[in-house]
């Protein structure tokens, strides 16, 4: 029976897709979300382009959280992966909710840019038009939330890395095998420890130092 991990469960694929989606959400905030046309009588340049980072600052924050969480999932343990999956779902929902508010009320997202241009957050005759980018951000936010669920499901089949687990040295294993090792008693010592001599406390070290001897010398 084949034990090959299905492609949809592979750690590299899940993490890469999630990181790309979160990065895409961040990328949308650098593009123009709103085109504002101000009353010509109030400003010299009536057209103002509002980027996503200005219209919905929360989208930028949630996208950064999504990228960081997805990268952390690669080295996290089983329980930590569940927590990270929840964080990714929350970041995706946050992106979608913050974007939907701008889509529902574009003037709210443009209020800051309008205030910088004319000194007030709104003016009679101001027109605000949405570009296609907010709709892209909304779709990406939903996909990020789904990616969090995907990570939770696929992460159950990932093995925890033991690369840095301590391993017994060959000499120690051989000593235990022939009965000359540490034994089972609390005072049992390995041959290597016995060769190092008795333990030296601070008083012994000071006495040996005053006699001109090296306190670190095991003899």
C-alpha atoms as a PDB file:
ATOM      1  CA  UNK A   1       0.000   0.000   0.000  1.00  0.00           C
ATOM      2  CA  UNK A   2       1.401   3.380  -0.987  1.00  0.00           C
ATOM      3  CA  UNK A   3       2.192   5.839   1.813  1.00  0.00           C
ATOM      4  CA  UNK A   4       2.795   8.821  -0.454  1.00  0.00           C
ATOM      5  CA  UNK A   5       1.274  11.993   1.000  1.00  0.00           C
ATOM      6  CA  UNK A   6      -1.496  13.385  -1.208  1.00  0.00           C
ATOM      7  CA  UNK A   7      -0.511  16.601  -2.951  1.00  0.00           C
ATOM      8  CA  UNK A   8      -3.159  18.669  -1.167  1.00  0.00           C
ATOM      9  CA  UNK A   9      -1.730  17.638   2.229  1.00  0.00           C
ATOM     10  CA  UNK A  10       1.907  18.458   1.527  1.00  0.00           C
ATOM     11  CA  UNK A  11       3.356  21.013   3.898  1.00  0.00           C
ATOM     12  CA  UNK A  12       5.294  22.938   1.247  1.00  0.00           C
ATOM     13  CA  UNK A  13       2.283  23.393  -0.995  1.00  0.00           C
ATOM     14  CA  UNK A  14      -0.083  24.462   1.800  1.00  0.00           C
ATOM     15  CA  UNK A  15       2.353  26.981   3.256  1.00  0.00           C
ATOM     16  CA  UNK A  16       3.405  28.365  -0.122  1.00  0.00           C
ATOM     17  CA  UNK A  17      -0.185  28.940  -1.265  1.00  0.00           C
ATOM     18  CA  UNK A  18      -1.144  30.576   2.032  1.00  0.00           C
ATOM     19  CA  UNK A  19       1.882  32.875   1.975  1.00  0.00           C
ATOM     20  CA  UNK A  20       1.180  33.865  -1.633  1.00  0.00           C
ATOM     21  CA  UNK A  21      -2.461  34.676  -0.850  1.00  0.00           C
ATOM     22  CA  UNK A  22      -1.523  36.820   2.159  1.00  0.00           C
ATOM     23  CA  UNK A  23       1.189  38.539   0.116  1.00  0.00           C
ATOM     24  CA  UNK A  24      -1.340  39.182  -2.652  1.00  0.00           C
ATOM     25  CA  UNK A  25      -3.692  40.788  -0.144  1.00  0.00           C
ATOM     26  CA  UNK A  26      -0.843  43.019   0.980  1.00  0.00           C
ATOM     27  CA  UNK A  27      -0.027  43.831  -2.626  1.00  0.00           C
ATOM     28  CA  UNK A  28      -3.549  45.049  -3.317  1.00  0.00           C
ATOM     29  CA  UNK A  29      -3.122  47.742  -0.669  1.00  0.00           C
ATOM     30  CA  UNK A  30      -0.380  49.347  -2.752  1.00  0.00           C
ATOM     31  CA  UNK A  31      -2.762  49.827  -5.681  1.00  0.00           C
ATOM     32  CA  UNK A  32      -5.476  52.432  -6.210  1.00  0.00           C
ATOM     33  CA  UNK A  33      -8.776  51.495  -4.597  1.00  0.00           C
ATOM     34  CA  UNK A  34     -10.704  54.739  -4.978  1.00  0.00           C
ATOM     35  CA  UNK A  35     -10.747  57.526  -7.531  1.00  0.00           C
ATOM     36  CA  UNK A  36     -12.008  60.729  -5.964  1.00  0.00           C
ATOM     37  CA  UNK A  37     -13.230  63.725  -7.941  1.00  0.00           C
ATOM     38  CA  UNK A  38     -13.399  66.846  -5.787  1.00  0.00           C
ATOM     39  CA  UNK A  39     -15.323  70.035  -6.575  1.00  0.00           C
ATOM     40  CA  UNK A  40     -13.132  72.035  -8.974  1.00  0.00           C
ATOM     41  CA  UNK A  41     -13.825  75.246  -7.062  1.00  0.00           C
ATOM     42  CA  UNK A  42     -12.161  73.908  -3.908  1.00  0.00           C
ATOM     43  CA  UNK A  43      -8.861  72.534  -5.204  1.00  0.00           C
ATOM     44  CA  UNK A  44      -6.481  73.068  -8.081  1.00  0.00           C
ATOM     45  CA  UNK A  45      -6.243  69.333  -8.821  1.00  0.00           C
ATOM     46  CA  UNK A  46      -9.696  67.816  -8.363  1.00  0.00           C
ATOM     47  CA  UNK A  47      -8.713  64.171  -9.003  1.00  0.00           C
ATOM     48  CA  UNK A  48      -7.303  62.157  -6.079  1.00  0.00           C
ATOM     49  CA  UNK A  49      -6.258  58.490  -6.178  1.00  0.00           C
ATOM     50  CA  UNK A  50      -6.605  56.663  -2.848  1.00  0.00           C
ATOM     51  CA  UNK A  51      -4.558  53.512  -2.309  1.00  0.00           C
ATOM     52  CA  UNK A  52      -5.728  50.548  -0.301  1.00  0.00           C
ATOM     53  CA  UNK A  53      -3.281  51.298   2.506  1.00  0.00           C
ATOM     54  CA  UNK A  54      -4.994  54.674   2.966  1.00  0.00           C
ATOM     55  CA  UNK A  55      -8.550  53.499   2.399  1.00  0.00           C
ATOM     56  CA  UNK A  56      -8.357  50.374   4.598  1.00  0.00           C
ATOM     57  CA  UNK A  57      -5.300  50.269   6.856  1.00  0.00           C
ATOM     58  CA  UNK A  58      -6.638  47.147   8.579  1.00  0.00           C
ATOM     59  CA  UNK A  59      -6.190  45.133   5.383  1.00  0.00           C
ATOM     60  CA  UNK A  60      -2.442  45.787   5.461  1.00  0.00           C
ATOM     61  CA  UNK A  61      -2.181  44.668   9.079  1.00  0.00           C
ATOM     62  CA  UNK A  62      -4.213  41.490   8.565  1.00  0.00           C
ATOM     63  CA  UNK A  63      -2.203  40.598   5.454  1.00  0.00           C
ATOM     64  CA  UNK A  64       1.111  40.911   7.329  1.00  0.00           C
ATOM     65  CA  UNK A  65      -0.253  38.713  10.116  1.00  0.00           C
ATOM     66  CA  UNK A  66      -1.301  36.137   7.535  1.00  0.00           C
ATOM     67  CA  UNK A  67       2.168  35.995   5.972  1.00  0.00           C
ATOM     68  CA  UNK A  68       3.905  35.652   9.351  1.00  0.00           C
ATOM     69  CA  UNK A  69       1.489  32.968  10.565  1.00  0.00           C
ATOM     70  CA  UNK A  70       1.817  30.914   7.379  1.00  0.00           C
ATOM     71  CA  UNK A  71       5.625  30.956   7.616  1.00  0.00           C
ATOM     72  CA  UNK A  72       5.499  29.978  11.293  1.00  0.00           C
ATOM     73  CA  UNK A  73       3.357  26.947  10.460  1.00  0.00           C
ATOM     74  CA  UNK A  74       6.357  25.336   8.771  1.00  0.00           C
ATOM     75  CA  UNK A  75       8.206  24.858  12.080  1.00  0.00           C
ATOM     76  CA  UNK A  76       5.266  24.636  14.483  1.00  0.00           C
ATOM     77  CA  UNK A  77       4.158  21.546  16.349  1.00  0.00           C
ATOM     78  CA  UNK A  78       0.747  19.912  16.134  1.00  0.00           C
ATOM     79  CA  UNK A  79      -1.010  22.098  18.717  1.00  0.00           C
ATOM     80  CA  UNK A  80       0.708  25.274  17.523  1.00  0.00           C
ATOM     81  CA  UNK A  81      -0.456  24.552  13.964  1.00  0.00           C
ATOM     82  CA  UNK A  82      -4.065  24.568  15.127  1.00  0.00           C
ATOM     83  CA  UNK A  83      -3.545  27.957  16.756  1.00  0.00           C
ATOM     84  CA  UNK A  84      -1.822  29.281  13.635  1.00  0.00           C
ATOM     85  CA  UNK A  85      -4.672  27.982  11.469  1.00  0.00           C
ATOM     86  CA  UNK A  86      -7.145  29.962  13.579  1.00  0.00           C
ATOM     87  CA  UNK A  87      -4.982  33.082  13.252  1.00  0.00           C
ATOM     88  CA  UNK A  88      -4.895  32.686   9.468  1.00  0.00           C
ATOM     89  CA  UNK A  89      -8.673  32.290   9.331  1.00  0.00           C
ATOM     90  CA  UNK A  90      -9.072  35.439  11.435  1.00  0.00           C
ATOM     91  CA  UNK A  91      -6.674  37.374   9.208  1.00  0.00           C
ATOM     92  CA  UNK A  92      -8.595  36.296   6.100  1.00  0.00           C
ATOM     93  CA  UNK A  93     -11.921  37.261   7.622  1.00  0.00           C
ATOM     94  CA  UNK A  94     -10.401  40.578   8.718  1.00  0.00           C
ATOM     95  CA  UNK A  95      -9.237  41.338   5.180  1.00  0.00           C
ATOM     96  CA  UNK A  96     -12.657  40.472   3.771  1.00  0.00           C
ATOM     97  CA  UNK A  97     -14.614  42.473   6.360  1.00  0.00           C
ATOM     98  CA  UNK A  98     -12.408  45.573   6.114  1.00  0.00           C
ATOM     99  CA  UNK A  99     -12.637  45.476   2.314  1.00  0.00           C
ATOM    100  CA  UNK A 100     -16.396  44.963   2.279  1.00  0.00           C
ATOM    101  CA  UNK A 101     -16.836  48.086   4.392  1.00  0.00           C
ATOM    102  CA  UNK A 102     -14.990  50.146   1.802  1.00  0.00           C
ATOM    103  CA  UNK A 103     -17.046  48.611  -0.992  1.00  0.00           C
ATOM    104  CA  UNK A 104     -20.259  49.397   0.894  1.00  0.00           C
ATOM    105  CA  UNK A 105     -19.216  52.978   1.729  1.00  0.00           C
ATOM    106  CA  UNK A 106     -16.435  54.288  -0.554  1.00  0.00           C
ATOM    107  CA  UNK A 107     -16.756  57.802   0.825  1.00  0.00           C
ATOM    108  CA  UNK A 108     -15.697  56.544   4.248  1.00  0.00           C
ATOM    109  CA  UNK A 109     -12.520  55.104   2.810  1.00  0.00           C
ATOM    110  CA  UNK A 110     -11.753  58.323   0.945  1.00  0.00           C
ATOM    111  CA  UNK A 111     -12.448  60.621   3.900  1.00  0.00           C
ATOM    112  CA  UNK A 112      -8.789  60.852   4.907  1.00  0.00           C
ATOM    113  CA  UNK A 113      -7.585  61.761   1.413  1.00  0.00           C
ATOM    114  CA  UNK A 114     -10.385  64.291   0.994  1.00  0.00           C
ATOM    115  CA  UNK A 115      -9.492  65.860   4.334  1.00  0.00           C
ATOM    116  CA  UNK A 116      -5.861  66.297   3.261  1.00  0.00           C
ATOM    117  CA  UNK A 117      -6.944  67.907  -0.006  1.00  0.00           C
ATOM    118  CA  UNK A 118      -9.598  70.379   1.139  1.00  0.00           C
ATOM    119  CA  UNK A 119      -9.425  70.345   4.939  1.00  0.00           C
ATOM    120  CA  UNK A 120     -12.756  68.575   5.512  1.00  0.00           C
ATOM    121  CA  UNK A 121     -13.698  64.929   5.192  1.00  0.00           C
ATOM    122  CA  UNK A 122     -16.440  65.559   2.640  1.00  0.00           C
ATOM    123  CA  UNK A 123     -17.746  68.297   0.365  1.00  0.00           C
ATOM    124  CA  UNK A 124     -20.778  68.866  -1.796  1.00  0.00           C
ATOM    125  CA  UNK A 125     -20.240  67.518  -5.272  1.00  0.00           C
ATOM    126  CA  UNK A 126     -17.488  65.019  -4.335  1.00  0.00           C
ATOM    127  CA  UNK A 127     -17.609  61.774  -6.324  1.00  0.00           C
ATOM    128  CA  UNK A 128     -15.887  58.558  -5.270  1.00  0.00           C
ATOM    129  CA  UNK A 129     -15.509  55.634  -7.655  1.00  0.00           C
ATOM    130  CA  UNK A 130     -14.324  52.149  -6.793  1.00  0.00           C
ATOM    131  CA  UNK A 131     -11.696  50.403  -8.872  1.00  0.00           C
ATOM    132  CA  UNK A 132     -11.615  46.631  -9.351  1.00  0.00           C
ATOM    133  CA  UNK A 133      -8.866  46.165  -6.750  1.00  0.00           C
ATOM    134  CA  UNK A 134     -11.125  46.166  -3.652  1.00  0.00           C
ATOM    135  CA  UNK A 135     -13.120  43.298  -5.147  1.00  0.00           C
ATOM    136  CA  UNK A 136      -9.893  41.394  -5.708  1.00  0.00           C
ATOM    137  CA  UNK A 137      -8.901  42.013  -2.079  1.00  0.00           C
ATOM    138  CA  UNK A 138     -12.302  40.769  -0.917  1.00  0.00           C
ATOM    139  CA  UNK A 139     -11.915  37.530  -2.865  1.00  0.00           C
ATOM    140  CA  UNK A 140      -8.351  37.048  -1.611  1.00  0.00           C
ATOM    141  CA  UNK A 141      -9.486  37.570   1.978  1.00  0.00           C
ATOM    142  CA  UNK A 142     -12.034  34.789   1.611  1.00  0.00           C
ATOM    143  CA  UNK A 143      -9.371  32.527   0.094  1.00  0.00           C
ATOM    144  CA  UNK A 144      -7.012  33.252   3.014  1.00  0.00           C
ATOM    145  CA  UNK A 145      -9.701  32.183   5.472  1.00  0.00           C
ATOM    146  CA  UNK A 146     -10.233  28.981   3.483  1.00  0.00           C
ATOM    147  CA  UNK A 147      -6.464  28.440   3.442  1.00  0.00           C
ATOM    148  CA  UNK A 148      -6.484  28.538   7.247  1.00  0.00           C
ATOM    149  CA  UNK A 149      -9.056  25.747   7.289  1.00  0.00           C
ATOM    150  CA  UNK A 150      -7.008  23.881   4.689  1.00  0.00           C
ATOM    151  CA  UNK A 151      -3.907  24.170   6.875  1.00  0.00           C
ATOM    152  CA  UNK A 152      -5.799  22.808   9.884  1.00  0.00           C
ATOM    153  CA  UNK A 153      -6.960  19.765   7.926  1.00  0.00           C
ATOM    154  CA  UNK A 154      -3.682  19.055   6.144  1.00  0.00           C
ATOM    155  CA  UNK A 155      -1.546  19.798   9.208  1.00  0.00           C
ATOM    156  CA  UNK A 156      -2.945  16.773  11.020  1.00  0.00           C
ATOM    157  CA  UNK A 157      -0.859  14.581   8.705  1.00  0.00           C
ATOM    158  CA  UNK A 158       2.409  16.493   9.049  1.00  0.00           C
ATOM    159  CA  UNK A 159       5.163  14.965  11.130  1.00  0.00           C
ATOM    160  CA  UNK A 160       7.001  17.054  13.700  1.00  0.00           C
ATOM    161  CA  UNK A 161      10.666  17.551  12.888  1.00  0.00           C
ATOM    162  CA  UNK A 162      13.110  15.849  15.275  1.00  0.00           C
ATOM    163  CA  UNK A 163      16.219  17.210  13.633  1.00  0.00           C
ATOM    164  CA  UNK A 164      17.420  18.854  16.812  1.00  0.00           C
ATOM    165  CA  UNK A 165      16.529  16.043  19.224  1.00  0.00           C
ATOM    166  CA  UNK A 166      19.528  14.933  21.352  1.00  0.00           C
ATOM    167  CA  UNK A 167      21.062  11.602  20.384  1.00  0.00           C
ATOM    168  CA  UNK A 168      23.232   9.239  22.431  1.00  0.00           C
ATOM    169  CA  UNK A 169      26.907   9.116  21.553  1.00  0.00           C
ATOM    170  CA  UNK A 170      28.240   5.782  20.235  1.00  0.00           C
ATOM    171  CA  UNK A 171      30.648   5.469  23.188  1.00  0.00           C
ATOM    172  CA  UNK A 172      27.857   5.873  25.700  1.00  0.00           C
ATOM    173  CA  UNK A 173      25.683   3.294  23.949  1.00  0.00           C
ATOM    174  CA  UNK A 174      28.537   0.770  23.882  1.00  0.00           C
ATOM    175  CA  UNK A 175      29.290   1.331  27.543  1.00  0.00           C
ATOM    176  CA  UNK A 176      25.688   0.655  28.472  1.00  0.00           C
ATOM    177  CA  UNK A 177      25.663  -2.479  26.346  1.00  0.00           C
ATOM    178  CA  UNK A 178      28.689  -4.083  28.091  1.00  0.00           C
ATOM    179  CA  UNK A 179      27.623  -3.076  31.568  1.00  0.00           C
ATOM    180  CA  UNK A 180      30.209  -0.366  32.146  1.00  0.00           C
ATOM    181  CA  UNK A 181      27.893   2.529  31.538  1.00  0.00           C
ATOM    182  CA  UNK A 182      25.921   4.731  33.865  1.00  0.00           C
ATOM    183  CA  UNK A 183      23.857   1.964  35.363  1.00  0.00           C
ATOM    184  CA  UNK A 184      20.618   2.647  37.114  1.00  0.00           C
ATOM    185  CA  UNK A 185      21.692   4.125  40.449  1.00  0.00           C
ATOM    186  CA  UNK A 186      21.508   7.838  41.182  1.00  0.00           C
ATOM    187  CA  UNK A 187      25.265   7.951  41.814  1.00  0.00           C
ATOM    188  CA  UNK A 188      26.259   5.892  38.773  1.00  0.00           C
ATOM    189  CA  UNK A 189      28.840   7.602  36.540  1.00  0.00           C
ATOM    190  CA  UNK A 190      30.053   6.948  33.020  1.00  0.00           C
ATOM    191  CA  UNK A 191      33.741   6.104  32.332  1.00  0.00           C
ATOM    192  CA  UNK A 192      34.153   9.531  30.822  1.00  0.00           C
ATOM    193  CA  UNK A 193      32.895  11.179  34.022  1.00  0.00           C
ATOM    194  CA  UNK A 194      35.110   8.919  36.152  1.00  0.00           C
ATOM    195  CA  UNK A 195      38.184   9.938  34.170  1.00  0.00           C
ATOM    196  CA  UNK A 196      37.394  13.570  34.853  1.00  0.00           C
ATOM    197  CA  UNK A 197      37.968  13.023  38.567  1.00  0.00           C
ATOM    198  CA  UNK A 198      35.825  14.029  41.527  1.00  0.00           C
ATOM    199  CA  UNK A 199      33.607  17.111  41.269  1.00  0.00           C
ATOM    200  CA  UNK A 200      35.223  20.343  42.288  1.00  0.00           C
ATOM    201  CA  UNK A 201      33.221  22.886  44.250  1.00  0.00           C
ATOM    202  CA  UNK A 202      33.944  26.577  44.687  1.00  0.00           C
ATOM    203  CA  UNK A 203      35.983  26.085  47.895  1.00  0.00           C
ATOM    204  CA  UNK A 204      38.199  23.419  46.343  1.00  0.00           C
ATOM    205  CA  UNK A 205      38.727  25.623  43.312  1.00  0.00           C
ATOM    206  CA  UNK A 206      39.812  28.523  45.506  1.00  0.00           C
ATOM    207  CA  UNK A 207      42.220  26.336  47.530  1.00  0.00           C
ATOM    208  CA  UNK A 208      43.840  24.955  44.399  1.00  0.00           C
ATOM    209  CA  UNK A 209      44.116  28.442  42.927  1.00  0.00           C
ATOM    210  CA  UNK A 210      45.891  29.742  46.053  1.00  0.00           C
ATOM    211  CA  UNK A 211      48.365  26.880  45.752  1.00  0.00           C
ATOM    212  CA  UNK A 212      49.152  27.944  42.211  1.00  0.00           C
ATOM    213  CA  UNK A 213      47.339  25.031  40.624  1.00  0.00           C
ATOM    214  CA  UNK A 214      44.858  25.114  37.772  1.00  0.00           C
ATOM    215  CA  UNK A 215      41.363  24.445  39.247  1.00  0.00           C
ATOM    216  CA  UNK A 216      40.118  23.283  35.855  1.00  0.00           C
ATOM    217  CA  UNK A 217      42.763  20.546  35.643  1.00  0.00           C
ATOM    218  CA  UNK A 218      40.936  17.224  36.339  1.00  0.00           C
ATOM    219  CA  UNK A 219      43.949  15.516  37.865  1.00  0.00           C
END
